[in-house]
Each structure stands twice: as structure tokens, then as C-alpha cells.
Amino acid sequence: MPEVQAEDRGFLGEFLEDMGKRRGLRALTVRAYGSDLGRLLCWKPGSLSSQPDLDTLRGFVRHEAARGLSPRSIAREVSSLRAFCDWMVERGLAESSPARLLSVPKAPRKLPGFLGIEEVLLVIESYDTSSAAGLRNRAVVDLLYGAGLRASEAASVRLEDLDFERCLVRVRGGKGGKDRIVPVADGSMRSVRSWLPARMAWAGPACAWLFVSVRGRRLDPRDIRRIVSAGVAGAARAAGATPHTFRHSFATHLLDRGADLRAVQDMLGHSSLSTTQIYTHLTSERLREAYRRAHPRGDD
């Protein structure tokens, strides 16, 4: 393999290690950086070790668009290129970051899907709570909806993170590695409490994690997704729902009932209010649809 490719690998490995260890970025983010920069190297070997210039980066972006990549995926690749070029500047390996001059294509903003309250309850109540697995599965979905958690966050909840008296959960390591405290619905907390005796039998007091398998293994996000899929299969009206659907439903239902937007932002762990504001579009659309159906001149 040519020496320049070995140099590329060295630069890429050092960059990814720095992103993961020093900056504490999530493993998924680091892998995405590696994948995006790896495609740049496949397109033009030597482009990392030779300090990529603006023409090279623009050519790569045009190549990616020509092979059919979506605007959202290209925007993510530009973000990866910027992160690498910024890192080169920080290390004194480049004077400026040409990736900062790249245009980012605007991706159409996709409104998140959500369930109605009745559909959420259908899924939660679909689990057979006469079994330990059913108790756990109901508690998982109830916590996803009751606290607006991501699948990865639900999998990371420890027993010590739960405050049953005040109905709170500490959410560890959300996006950006930030912890937050989130209120939990009383009914969701009851589901979690009902699961604890079976959990103790499966994992014992030494295990820190809330959600475990029958052998005491901590559940991972894939397990959470399978649990949700099983509940959705038992509630046809919720077809296609994922763990994130319950998070979207949590936010939408709160705003529907008058919750403060910034409070919802804090509960979801969004760093930017604009990310949370997408849910106001959902509630506005519902209001407009209700108006169109009910007002005598709604269809004029």
C-alpha cells in the first residue's frame, strides 16, 4: 500500500481518537466522521495528509451529490470535513479551514411522526404483565413516553438515577454528553416500580442497570427497539412506531396541553430551541386541520 495512504490512515486514526477521548464525542458520531472521511480518501487518496484544499473538498461534495446522496447526508459529510479541517488548524498543521467555505445544502425539514394518546396507551397496555418480561417491556415503553427518552438513554438508566418520591429520572449521556433531570409521569413510575421485584430476581442487588435481560445483562438500544416493535405489533393503530416515536409523542402532547417550549427543550435535552420548535409545527398543523374540519368556511 502506498506510503501516502499509510499517512492518511495515521492522520485519520489520530483525529478520531482525539474526537472520542479528548472531546468525549459519542461513538456513533466518531464512526460517522470516520466513514465520511474514509469516502474522501477512496475518492482521492492522500487528501488528508496533504491538507485538503477548497477545490478538493468542493470536488468531493459534487461527487457525493452526483452519486445520489441526499442533502441531509451531504450536510453531515460537510460537518465531518469541517471538524477534521478545524482539528488540523488546532494542531498547527494548517493555517485555515477550507471546509468552512463549503456550502451546506438545505435539507427539507421532516416533521417527526407521533402517536395520539390513545395509540400510546394501546401499546403500553399491550404487554402481558403477568410475566416478568411483560412487566419490564411495559416499563421500558412507559419510561420512553413518560420522560421523552431516547432508546440509548433508556438503556443507560441506573437504579440510582430514579427518584420515586419526586417522580424524577436522571438521564445520563444525552447528545453532547450532557446529563439532565426529567420529570416522569406518575403512571410511568408505577410501571417501573412494578418491574423492580422481577429485575431483582434476574440481576440481583449488585447490578446497577434498570433494564436487564433474564440473565442479568444490561439491555442495549437494539433490545429497546425490539421491545417497542413487539408492543406495536400488538397495537395495529400504532403501526411503524419506534422508540423515537414515543419521544416525539411526549413532546407533542406536552405542547398540545400548553407546556412551555423552553421547559420541553430542557426535558428533551435539546441544545437549541430551534430543534424543539419543530414540535410547534406539529401542533399548529393539527389546529389548522381541526379548523378546516369544523369551521363553516374552513374549506373556502
Protein backbone atom coordinates (compact mmCIF):
# COMPACT_ATOMS: atom_id res chain seq x y z
CA MET A 1 0.00 0.00 0.00
CA PRO A 2 1.47 3.42 -0.94
CA GLU A 3 3.08 5.42 1.83
CA VAL A 4 0.68 8.32 1.41
CA GLN A 5 -2.22 6.03 2.24
CA ALA A 6 -0.45 4.95 5.41
CA GLU A 7 -0.06 8.63 6.30
CA ASP A 8 -3.76 9.15 5.64
CA ARG A 9 -4.63 6.33 7.98
CA GLY A 10 -2.38 7.80 10.65
CA PHE A 11 -3.98 11.24 10.39
CA LEU A 12 -7.47 9.77 10.39
CA GLY A 13 -6.80 7.49 13.36
CA GLU A 14 -5.28 10.31 15.40
CA PHE A 15 -8.20 12.60 14.59
CA LEU A 16 -10.83 10.00 15.53
CA GLU A 17 -9.05 9.12 18.76
CA ASP A 18 -8.88 12.79 19.68
CA MET A 19 -12.59 13.27 18.97
CA GLY A 20 -13.56 10.27 21.08
CA LYS A 21 -11.20 10.55 24.05
CA ARG A 22 -10.40 14.22 24.47
CA ARG A 23 -13.68 15.71 23.31
CA GLY A 24 -15.89 12.90 24.52
CA LEU A 25 -18.00 12.68 21.38
CA ARG A 26 -20.42 9.78 21.11
CA ALA A 27 -19.14 6.61 19.46
CA LEU A 28 -21.78 6.98 16.72
CA THR A 29 -20.53 10.48 15.89
CA VAL A 30 -16.91 9.33 15.77
CA ARG A 31 -17.84 6.43 13.49
CA ALA A 32 -19.73 8.82 11.19
CA TYR A 33 -16.61 11.04 10.97
CA GLY A 34 -14.52 8.00 10.09
CA SER A 35 -16.98 6.82 7.46
CA ASP A 36 -17.28 10.24 5.80
CA LEU A 37 -13.53 10.90 5.73
CA GLY A 38 -12.94 7.34 4.53
CA ARG A 39 -15.08 8.08 1.48
CA LEU A 40 -12.98 11.18 0.80
CA LEU A 41 -9.87 9.02 0.86
CA CYS A 42 -11.42 6.48 -1.51
CA TRP A 43 -12.23 9.32 -3.89
CA LYS A 44 -8.81 11.00 -3.60
CA PRO A 45 -6.07 9.11 -1.70
CA GLY A 46 -3.65 11.37 0.10
CA SER A 47 -6.16 14.17 0.60
CA LEU A 48 -5.91 14.14 4.40
CA SER A 49 -2.16 14.06 4.86
CA SER A 50 -1.67 16.72 2.18
CA GLN A 51 -4.04 19.15 3.95
CA PRO A 52 -7.20 19.21 1.77
CA ASP A 53 -7.75 22.43 -0.19
CA LEU A 54 -11.07 24.03 -1.06
CA ASP A 55 -11.11 22.75 -4.66
CA THR A 56 -10.58 19.18 -3.47
CA LEU A 57 -13.35 19.44 -0.90
CA ARG A 58 -15.78 21.02 -3.36
CA GLY A 59 -14.99 18.32 -5.89
CA PHE A 60 -15.69 15.65 -3.32
CA VAL A 61 -19.01 17.20 -2.35
CA ARG A 62 -20.02 17.42 -6.03
CA HIS A 63 -19.04 13.77 -6.46
CA GLU A 64 -21.19 12.76 -3.50
CA ALA A 65 -24.17 14.70 -4.84
CA ALA A 66 -23.72 13.13 -8.28
CA ARG A 67 -23.90 9.63 -6.84
CA GLY A 68 -27.30 10.43 -5.35
CA LEU A 69 -26.56 11.29 -1.72
CA SER A 70 -29.41 13.21 -0.05
CA PRO A 71 -28.93 16.83 1.05
CA ARG A 72 -29.09 15.67 4.68
CA SER A 73 -26.26 13.15 4.15
CA ILE A 74 -24.14 15.70 2.28
CA ALA A 75 -24.68 18.22 5.10
CA ARG A 76 -23.41 15.60 7.55
CA GLU A 77 -20.34 14.97 5.38
CA VAL A 78 -19.60 18.70 5.24
CA SER A 79 -19.82 18.73 9.04
CA SER A 80 -17.25 15.91 9.18
CA LEU A 81 -14.94 17.76 6.79
CA ARG A 82 -15.21 20.91 8.90
CA ALA A 83 -14.42 19.02 12.07
CA PHE A 84 -11.29 17.50 10.50
CA CYS A 85 -10.05 20.78 8.98
CA ASP A 86 -10.67 22.63 12.26
CA TRP A 87 -8.67 19.92 14.03
CA MET A 88 -5.81 20.43 11.57
CA VAL A 89 -5.79 24.13 12.40
CA GLU A 90 -5.84 23.43 16.16
CA ARG A 91 -2.87 21.10 15.78
CA GLY A 92 -0.91 23.70 13.83
CA LEU A 93 -0.95 21.54 10.71
CA ALA A 94 -2.90 24.08 8.65
CA GLU A 95 -3.33 27.84 8.72
CA SER A 96 -7.04 27.89 7.92
CA SER A 97 -10.01 25.58 7.48
CA PRO A 98 -11.12 25.50 3.84
CA ALA A 99 -14.11 23.35 4.78
CA ARG A 100 -15.60 26.43 6.45
CA LEU A 101 -16.13 27.86 2.95
CA LEU A 102 -18.20 24.89 1.79
CA SER A 103 -21.88 25.49 1.21
CA VAL A 104 -24.20 23.25 3.19
CA PRO A 105 -27.25 22.09 1.24
CA LYS A 106 -30.52 22.76 2.97
CA ALA A 107 -32.28 19.54 3.80
CA PRO A 108 -36.07 19.64 3.85
CA ARG A 109 -37.19 19.62 7.46
CA LYS A 110 -39.07 16.43 8.12
CA LEU A 111 -41.78 16.62 10.74
CA PRO A 112 -41.40 13.79 13.24
CA GLY A 113 -44.14 11.19 13.47
CA PHE A 114 -46.08 10.83 16.69
CA LEU A 115 -48.95 8.85 18.15
CA GLY A 116 -52.17 10.04 19.66
CA ILE A 117 -52.67 9.47 23.38
CA GLU A 118 -54.97 6.50 22.73
CA GLU A 119 -52.40 4.87 20.45
CA VAL A 120 -49.66 5.30 23.07
CA LEU A 121 -51.85 3.66 25.70
CA LEU A 122 -52.70 0.80 23.34
CA VAL A 123 -49.01 -0.03 23.00
CA ILE A 124 -48.27 0.32 26.72
CA GLU A 125 -51.23 -1.87 27.65
CA SER A 126 -50.40 -4.50 25.02
CA TYR A 127 -47.73 -6.12 27.21
CA ASP A 128 -48.69 -9.13 29.32
CA THR A 129 -47.81 -8.02 32.84
CA SER A 130 -48.41 -11.49 34.26
CA SER A 131 -44.83 -12.28 33.19
CA ALA A 132 -41.56 -10.68 34.28
CA ALA A 133 -40.66 -9.88 30.67
CA GLY A 134 -44.02 -8.20 30.17
CA LEU A 135 -43.52 -6.06 33.27
CA ARG A 136 -40.12 -4.99 32.02
CA ASN A 137 -41.31 -4.27 28.49
CA ARG A 138 -44.21 -2.17 29.70
CA ALA A 139 -41.87 -0.24 32.00
CA VAL A 140 -39.48 0.41 29.09
CA VAL A 141 -42.16 1.91 26.83
CA ASP A 142 -43.81 3.75 29.70
CA LEU A 143 -40.49 5.42 30.53
CA LEU A 144 -39.77 6.27 26.89
CA TYR A 145 -43.09 8.10 26.72
CA GLY A 146 -43.30 9.27 30.33
CA ALA A 147 -39.91 11.03 30.22
CA GLY A 148 -39.30 11.52 26.49
CA LEU A 149 -36.14 9.39 26.46
CA ARG A 150 -34.10 8.20 23.51
CA ALA A 151 -33.55 4.43 23.27
CA SER A 152 -29.89 4.85 24.25
CA GLU A 153 -30.88 6.94 27.27
CA ALA A 154 -33.44 4.38 28.47
CA ALA A 155 -30.79 1.67 28.18
CA SER A 156 -28.41 3.78 30.30
CA VAL A 157 -30.76 4.41 33.25
CA ARG A 158 -29.42 3.08 36.55
CA LEU A 159 -31.43 2.36 39.68
CA GLU A 160 -29.70 5.25 41.42
CA ASP A 161 -30.97 7.61 38.71
CA LEU A 162 -34.59 7.17 39.82
CA ASP A 163 -36.24 9.38 42.42
CA PHE A 164 -39.55 7.64 43.10
CA GLU A 165 -40.64 10.12 45.75
CA ARG A 166 -40.41 13.14 43.45
CA CYS A 167 -41.02 11.22 40.19
CA LEU A 168 -37.75 12.23 38.54
CA VAL A 169 -35.13 10.44 36.47
CA ARG A 170 -31.56 11.48 35.86
CA VAL A 171 -30.73 10.99 32.18
CA ARG A 172 -27.06 10.33 31.56
CA GLY A 173 -25.04 10.99 28.46
CA GLY A 174 -27.59 12.50 26.12
CA LYS A 175 -26.42 14.16 22.91
CA GLY A 176 -23.33 16.19 23.68
CA GLY A 177 -22.67 14.06 26.77
CA LYS A 178 -24.89 16.24 28.96
CA ASP A 179 -26.87 14.86 31.89
CA ARG A 180 -30.32 16.21 32.74
CA ILE A 181 -33.10 15.69 35.28
CA VAL A 182 -36.51 14.92 33.79
CA PRO A 183 -39.93 14.61 35.47
CA VAL A 184 -41.64 11.25 34.96
CA ALA A 185 -45.39 10.70 34.82
CA ASP A 186 -46.84 9.01 37.91
CA GLY A 187 -48.22 6.13 35.82
CA SER A 188 -44.83 5.57 34.21
CA MET A 189 -43.17 5.45 37.61
CA ARG A 190 -45.72 2.88 38.76
CA SER A 191 -44.81 0.69 35.78
CA VAL A 192 -41.12 0.98 36.65
CA ARG A 193 -41.77 0.18 40.30
CA SER A 194 -43.82 -2.88 39.34
CA TRP A 195 -40.87 -4.22 37.35
CA LEU A 196 -38.31 -3.91 40.17
CA PRO A 197 -39.01 -7.21 42.03
CA ALA A 198 -38.58 -9.21 38.81
CA ARG A 199 -35.50 -7.20 37.94
CA MET A 200 -34.02 -8.01 41.33
CA ALA A 201 -34.63 -11.71 40.71
CA TRP A 202 -32.95 -11.54 37.31
CA ALA A 203 -29.94 -9.36 38.14
CA GLY A 204 -29.58 -9.08 41.91
CA PRO A 205 -28.69 -6.00 44.02
CA ALA A 206 -25.15 -5.67 42.62
CA CYS A 207 -26.39 -4.78 39.14
CA ALA A 208 -26.64 -1.04 38.55
CA TRP A 209 -28.85 -1.02 35.45
CA LEU A 210 -32.61 -0.60 35.48
CA PHE A 211 -33.42 -2.63 32.38
CA VAL A 212 -31.81 -6.06 32.12
CA SER A 213 -32.33 -9.39 30.39
CA VAL A 214 -33.39 -12.60 32.13
CA ARG A 215 -29.67 -13.37 32.56
CA GLY A 216 -28.97 -10.01 34.15
CA ARG A 217 -27.37 -8.42 31.10
CA ARG A 218 -27.92 -4.71 30.57
CA LEU A 219 -30.29 -4.07 27.67
CA ASP A 220 -28.85 -2.12 24.75
CA PRO A 221 -30.70 0.23 22.34
CA ARG A 222 -31.37 -2.65 19.92
CA ASP A 223 -33.16 -4.51 22.71
CA ILE A 224 -35.23 -1.40 23.40
CA ARG A 225 -36.21 -1.21 19.72
CA ARG A 226 -37.25 -4.88 19.71
CA ILE A 227 -39.39 -4.35 22.80
CA VAL A 228 -41.15 -1.41 21.14
CA SER A 229 -41.67 -3.42 17.94
CA ALA A 230 -43.33 -6.21 19.90
CA GLY A 231 -45.76 -3.76 21.52
CA VAL A 232 -46.51 -2.05 18.23
CA ALA A 233 -47.28 -5.45 16.68
CA GLY A 234 -49.95 -5.89 19.33
CA ALA A 235 -51.49 -2.48 18.65
CA ALA A 236 -52.17 -2.13 14.94
CA ARG A 237 -53.13 1.55 15.23
CA ALA A 238 -49.54 2.30 16.24
CA ALA A 239 -48.00 0.57 13.20
CA GLY A 240 -44.49 1.78 12.38
CA ALA A 241 -43.81 3.34 15.78
CA THR A 242 -40.23 3.29 17.06
CA PRO A 243 -38.69 4.32 20.39
CA HIS A 244 -38.23 7.82 18.97
CA THR A 245 -41.93 7.97 18.10
CA PHE A 246 -42.72 7.89 21.82
CA ARG A 247 -40.23 10.70 22.42
CA HIS A 248 -41.92 12.74 19.69
CA SER A 249 -45.31 11.92 21.17
CA PHE A 250 -44.12 13.04 24.62
CA ALA A 251 -43.10 16.45 23.27
CA THR A 252 -46.16 16.91 21.07
CA HIS A 253 -48.63 16.04 23.80
CA LEU A 254 -46.94 18.39 26.28
CA LEU A 255 -47.10 21.31 23.84
CA ASP A 256 -50.68 20.44 22.90
CA ARG A 257 -51.59 20.89 26.54
CA GLY A 258 -49.84 24.22 26.95
CA ALA A 259 -46.37 23.29 28.21
CA ASP A 260 -43.71 25.99 27.93
CA LEU A 261 -41.45 25.47 24.90
CA ARG A 262 -38.23 26.07 26.85
CA ALA A 263 -39.31 23.60 29.52
CA VAL A 264 -39.87 20.96 26.83
CA GLN A 265 -36.45 21.85 25.39
CA ASP A 266 -34.84 21.13 28.77
CA MET A 267 -36.74 17.87 29.18
CA LEU A 268 -35.71 16.65 25.73
CA GLY A 269 -32.11 17.73 26.24
CA HIS A 270 -32.00 19.86 23.10
CA SER A 271 -29.11 22.32 22.97
CA SER A 272 -31.00 24.60 20.59
CA LEU A 273 -34.54 25.87 20.96
CA SER A 274 -34.98 25.66 17.18
CA THR A 275 -34.74 21.87 17.42
CA THR A 276 -37.64 21.83 19.86
CA GLN A 277 -39.67 24.29 17.81
CA ILE A 278 -40.32 21.65 15.17
CA TYR A 279 -42.95 20.24 17.53
CA THR A 280 -44.83 23.54 17.41
CA HIS A 281 -45.29 22.91 13.68
CA LEU A 282 -46.99 19.64 14.55
CA THR A 283 -49.40 21.27 16.95
CA SER A 284 -50.07 24.14 14.53
CA GLU A 285 -50.87 21.71 11.73
CA ARG A 286 -53.31 19.90 13.99
CA LEU A 287 -55.02 23.15 14.92
CA ARG A 288 -55.33 24.15 11.27
CA GLU A 289 -56.76 20.76 10.36
CA ALA A 290 -59.28 20.96 13.20
CA TYR A 291 -60.25 24.44 11.98
CA ARG A 292 -60.69 23.26 8.40
CA ARG A 293 -62.93 20.42 9.51
CA ALA A 294 -65.06 22.40 11.93
CA HIS A 295 -65.37 25.97 10.62
CA PRO A 296 -68.17 26.60 8.12
CA ARG A 297 -65.71 28.33 5.80
CA GLY A 298 -62.73 26.17 6.64
CA ASP A 299 -62.54 24.75 3.10
CA ASP A 300 -63.14 28.03 1.26
